[in-house]
C-alpha atoms as a PDB file:
ATOM      1  CA  MET A   1    -117.767  80.567  68.976  1.00  0.00           C
ATOM      2  CA  ALA A   2    -120.389  78.053  70.076  1.00  0.00           C
ATOM      3  CA  ASN A   3    -117.899  75.226  69.598  1.00  0.00           C
ATOM      4  CA  LEU A   4    -115.406  76.922  71.901  1.00  0.00           C
ATOM      5  CA  THR A   5    -118.079  77.469  74.537  1.00  0.00           C
ATOM      6  CA  VAL A   6    -119.174  73.829  74.398  1.00  0.00           C
ATOM      7  CA  ASN A   7    -115.574  72.651  74.709  1.00  0.00           C
ATOM      8  CA  ILE A   8    -114.896  74.892  77.693  1.00  0.00           C
ATOM      9  CA  LEU A   9    -118.075  73.743  79.446  1.00  0.00           C
ATOM     10  CA  TYR A  10    -117.193  70.125  78.680  1.00  0.00           C
ATOM     11  CA  VAL A  11    -113.755  70.464  80.260  1.00  0.00           C
ATOM     12  CA  ILE A  12    -115.153  72.268  83.306  1.00  0.00           C
ATOM     13  CA  LEU A  13    -117.800  69.560  83.748  1.00  0.00           C
ATOM     14  CA  PHE A  14    -115.302  66.716  83.711  1.00  0.00           C
ATOM     15  CA  VAL A  15    -112.860  68.505  86.002  1.00  0.00           C
ATOM     16  CA  ALA A  16    -115.742  68.975  88.436  1.00  0.00           C
ATOM     17  CA  ILE A  17    -116.651  65.278  88.174  1.00  0.00           C
ATOM     18  CA  ILE A  18    -113.066  64.199  88.868  1.00  0.00           C
ATOM     19  CA  VAL A  19    -112.696  66.537  91.847  1.00  0.00           C
ATOM     20  CA  PHE A  20    -116.063  65.463  93.264  1.00  0.00           C
ATOM     21  CA  LEU A  21    -115.203  61.770  92.995  1.00  0.00           C
ATOM     22  CA  ASP A  22    -111.779  62.351  94.542  1.00  0.00           C
ATOM     23  CA  PHE A  23    -113.084  64.156  97.597  1.00  0.00           C
ATOM     24  CA  LYS A  24    -116.322  62.228  98.071  1.00  0.00           C
ATOM     25  CA  TYR A  25    -115.191  58.627  97.619  1.00  0.00           C
ATOM     26  CA  PHE A  26    -111.424  58.258  97.218  1.00  0.00           C
ATOM     27  CA  ARG A  27    -109.836  60.801  99.541  1.00  0.00           C
ATOM     28  CA  TYR A  28    -107.321  58.456 101.204  1.00  0.00           C
ATOM     29  CA  GLU A  29    -106.997  55.736  98.563  1.00  0.00           C
ATOM     30  CA  PHE A  30    -104.358  56.822  96.091  1.00  0.00           C
ATOM     31  CA  LEU A  31    -104.320  53.864  93.710  1.00  0.00           C
ATOM     32  CA  LYS A  32    -108.112  53.635  93.436  1.00  0.00           C
ATOM     33  CA  ARG A  33    -108.299  57.391  92.894  1.00  0.00           C
ATOM     34  CA  LEU A  34    -105.691  57.231  90.153  1.00  0.00           C
ATOM     35  CA  ILE A  35    -107.476  54.396  88.362  1.00  0.00           C
ATOM     36  CA  VAL A  36    -110.871  56.109  88.560  1.00  0.00           C
ATOM     37  CA  ASN A  37    -109.412  59.394  87.320  1.00  0.00           C
ATOM     38  CA  ILE A  38    -107.823  57.668  84.338  1.00  0.00           C
ATOM     39  CA  LEU A  39    -111.093  55.896  83.524  1.00  0.00           C
ATOM     40  CA  VAL A  40    -113.095  59.128  83.776  1.00  0.00           C
ATOM     41  CA  VAL A  41    -110.661  60.863  81.432  1.00  0.00           C
ATOM     42  CA  LEU A  42    -110.827  57.985  78.948  1.00  0.00           C
ATOM     43  CA  VAL A  43    -114.627  58.058  78.996  1.00  0.00           C
ATOM     44  CA  ALA A  44    -114.576  61.828  78.523  1.00  0.00           C
ATOM     45  CA  VAL A  45    -112.216  61.578  75.552  1.00  0.00           C
ATOM     46  CA  ALA A  46    -114.262  58.782  73.980  1.00  0.00           C
ATOM     47  CA  PHE A  47    -117.489  60.739  74.445  1.00  0.00           C
ATOM     48  CA  TYR A  48    -115.878  63.844  72.970  1.00  0.00           C
ATOM     49  CA  TYR A  49    -114.643  62.052  69.868  1.00  0.00           C
ATOM     50  CA  LEU A  50    -117.923  60.216  69.350  1.00  0.00           C
ATOM     51  CA  PHE A  51    -120.389  63.064  69.835  1.00  0.00           C
ATOM     52  CA  LEU A  52    -118.814  66.510  70.160  1.00  0.00           C
ATOM     53  CA  ILE A  53    -116.009  66.557  67.586  1.00  0.00           C
ATOM     54  CA  ASN A  54    -118.367  67.598  64.770  1.00  0.00           C
ATOM     55  CA  LEU A  55    -119.962  70.588  66.486  1.00  0.00           C
END
Protein backbone atom coordinates (compact mmCIF):
# COMPACT_ATOMS: atom_id res chain seq x y z
CA MET A 1 0.00 0.00 0.00
CA ALA A 2 2.83 2.40 0.79
CA ASN A 3 4.39 1.69 -2.60
CA LEU A 4 1.17 2.63 -4.37
CA THR A 5 0.91 5.84 -2.38
CA VAL A 6 4.49 6.82 -3.18
CA ASN A 7 3.94 6.12 -6.88
CA ILE A 8 0.76 8.19 -6.99
CA LEU A 9 2.44 11.11 -5.20
CA TYR A 10 5.42 10.83 -7.54
CA VAL A 11 3.21 11.06 -10.63
CA ILE A 12 1.22 13.97 -9.19
CA LEU A 13 4.45 15.81 -8.34
CA PHE A 14 5.88 15.51 -11.84
CA VAL A 15 2.60 16.43 -13.52
CA ALA A 16 2.55 19.54 -11.34
CA ILE A 17 6.15 20.35 -12.30
CA ILE A 18 5.40 20.00 -16.02
CA VAL A 19 2.26 22.14 -15.82
CA PHE A 20 4.06 24.80 -13.77
CA LEU A 21 6.95 25.00 -16.23
CA ASP A 22 4.55 25.16 -19.18
CA PHE A 23 2.52 28.04 -17.82
CA LYS A 24 5.31 29.96 -16.10
CA TYR A 25 8.07 29.88 -18.71
CA PHE A 26 7.00 28.32 -22.01
CA ARG A 27 3.42 29.41 -22.61
CA TYR A 28 3.85 30.56 -26.23
CA GLU A 29 6.92 28.57 -27.28
CA PHE A 30 5.75 25.19 -28.48
CA LEU A 31 9.05 23.58 -29.46
CA LYS A 32 10.87 24.65 -26.29
CA ARG A 33 7.93 23.46 -24.20
CA LEU A 34 7.93 20.10 -25.93
CA ILE A 35 11.66 19.62 -25.41
CA VAL A 36 11.50 20.60 -21.74
CA ASN A 37 8.53 18.31 -21.13
CA ILE A 38 10.36 15.38 -22.70
CA LEU A 39 13.46 16.09 -20.61
CA VAL A 40 11.43 16.35 -17.40
CA VAL A 41 9.75 13.02 -18.14
CA LEU A 42 13.10 11.37 -18.88
CA VAL A 43 14.56 12.68 -15.63
CA ALA A 44 11.48 11.47 -13.75
CA VAL A 45 11.74 7.99 -15.26
CA ALA A 46 15.47 7.80 -14.55
CA PHE A 47 14.95 8.92 -10.96
CA TYR A 48 12.15 6.40 -10.52
CA TYR A 49 14.21 3.49 -11.80
CA LEU A 50 17.27 4.49 -9.79
CA PHE A 51 15.68 5.20 -6.41
CA LEU A 52 12.00 4.27 -6.15
CA ILE A 53 11.69 0.95 -7.99
CA ASN A 54 12.69 -1.06 -4.90
CA LEU A 55 10.22 0.46 -2.45
